[in-house]
Amino acid sequence: MAGPILSTDSPSLNQSTPDTGGLLTREQCRAARAMLYWSQDDLARRARITAATVRGFERGQSRLKHSTARLLRLTFEASGICFIEADAGAGVCLAKQIP
């Protein structure tokens, strides 16, 4: 089963976030959490990673493995977040209204 292509071909996004391969920036992560009213602990629990990983990534203190960035992105997408790629100005939006 083929899934969505999650990385971007945009050099500007890939250069600014080499740790995530263009999958997710720390700003997108914070914005997506805010739109879903999730704490860092909520995201960590839902993605089944440690809260320290989320905190370190969002603070710019640590890099994510590609697999972890993909997992976070998929967790957000499953919860209704759409990612806006660098060509349009990297960001996030809601695909559906949150209940």
Protein backbone atom coordinates (compact mmCIF):
# COMPACT_ATOMS: atom_id res chain seq x y z
CA MET A 1 0.00 0.00 0.00
CA ALA A 2 1.53 3.28 -1.08
CA GLY A 3 1.24 6.12 1.38
CA PRO A 4 1.48 9.84 0.83
CA ILE A 5 4.84 11.29 -0.10
CA LEU A 6 5.90 13.20 2.97
CA SER A 7 9.20 14.79 2.08
CA THR A 8 9.61 17.80 -0.11
CA ASP A 9 11.81 18.54 -3.07
CA SER A 10 12.13 22.14 -1.95
CA PRO A 11 15.82 22.89 -1.33
CA SER A 12 15.00 25.78 0.98
CA LEU A 13 13.02 23.57 3.36
CA ASN A 14 15.49 20.72 3.21
CA GLN A 15 18.44 23.02 3.92
CA SER A 16 16.73 24.69 6.86
CA THR A 17 15.74 21.39 8.44
CA PRO A 18 18.29 18.76 7.47
CA ASP A 19 17.43 16.74 10.56
CA THR A 20 13.90 15.95 9.38
CA GLY A 21 14.50 15.68 5.66
CA GLY A 22 11.87 18.32 4.95
CA LEU A 23 9.13 16.41 6.79
CA LEU A 24 8.51 18.76 9.68
CA THR A 25 9.96 21.96 11.09
CA ARG A 26 9.92 22.73 14.79
CA GLU A 27 7.69 25.72 14.06
CA GLN A 28 5.22 23.48 12.23
CA CYS A 29 5.28 21.07 15.16
CA ARG A 30 4.46 23.82 17.67
CA ALA A 31 1.77 25.31 15.43
CA ALA A 32 0.14 21.94 14.78
CA ARG A 33 0.06 21.17 18.51
CA ALA A 34 -1.50 24.56 19.20
CA MET A 35 -4.21 24.01 16.57
CA LEU A 36 -5.09 20.67 18.16
CA TYR A 37 -4.85 22.02 21.73
CA TRP A 38 -2.20 19.40 22.51
CA SER A 39 0.60 19.74 25.02
CA GLN A 40 4.02 18.34 24.28
CA ASP A 41 3.09 15.41 26.52
CA ASP A 42 -0.12 14.83 24.52
CA LEU A 43 1.83 14.68 21.26
CA ALA A 44 4.45 12.38 22.76
CA ARG A 45 1.79 10.01 24.09
CA ARG A 46 -0.11 9.92 20.78
CA ALA A 47 3.07 9.40 18.73
CA ARG A 48 4.50 6.96 21.29
CA ILE A 49 7.74 8.84 21.73
CA THR A 50 9.20 10.56 24.77
CA ALA A 51 8.13 14.05 25.77
CA ALA A 52 11.84 14.92 26.03
CA THR A 53 12.17 14.21 22.30
CA VAL A 54 9.36 16.64 21.51
CA ARG A 55 10.72 19.30 23.87
CA GLY A 56 14.27 19.04 22.54
CA PHE A 57 13.10 19.22 18.92
CA GLU A 58 10.80 22.21 19.46
CA ARG A 59 13.52 24.09 21.35
CA GLY A 60 16.07 23.40 18.62
CA GLN A 61 18.26 21.52 21.07
CA SER A 62 18.11 18.15 19.34
CA ARG A 63 17.48 16.68 15.93
CA LEU A 64 14.86 14.12 15.05
CA LYS A 65 15.62 10.90 13.29
CA HIS A 66 13.91 10.76 9.91
CA SER A 67 11.62 7.98 11.18
CA THR A 68 10.57 10.06 14.21
CA ALA A 69 9.84 13.12 12.07
CA ARG A 70 7.73 10.95 9.76
CA LEU A 71 5.89 9.49 12.76
CA LEU A 72 5.10 12.96 14.12
CA ARG A 73 3.90 14.17 10.75
CA LEU A 74 1.66 11.12 10.30
CA THR A 75 0.28 11.58 13.82
CA PHE A 76 -0.65 15.17 13.02
CA GLU A 77 -2.12 14.30 9.62
CA ALA A 78 -4.26 11.55 11.17
CA SER A 79 -5.63 14.21 13.53
CA GLY A 80 -6.61 16.63 10.77
CA ILE A 81 -3.50 18.74 10.22
CA CYS A 82 -2.38 19.63 6.68
CA PHE A 83 1.17 20.77 6.06
CA ILE A 84 1.93 23.72 3.81
CA GLU A 85 5.25 23.22 2.08
CA ALA A 86 8.05 25.77 1.80
CA ASP A 87 7.10 26.98 -1.68
CA ALA A 88 3.97 28.52 -0.16
CA GLY A 89 5.68 29.46 3.11
CA ALA A 90 6.02 26.45 5.43
CA GLY A 91 3.11 26.18 7.83
CA VAL A 92 0.11 24.14 8.93
CA CYS A 93 -3.65 24.30 8.57
CA LEU A 94 -6.63 22.24 9.65
CA ALA A 95 -8.04 19.81 7.11
CA LYS A 96 -11.19 19.35 9.14
CA GLN A 97 -12.89 20.99 12.08
CA ILE A 98 -11.81 19.65 15.45
CA PRO A 99 -14.67 18.14 17.46
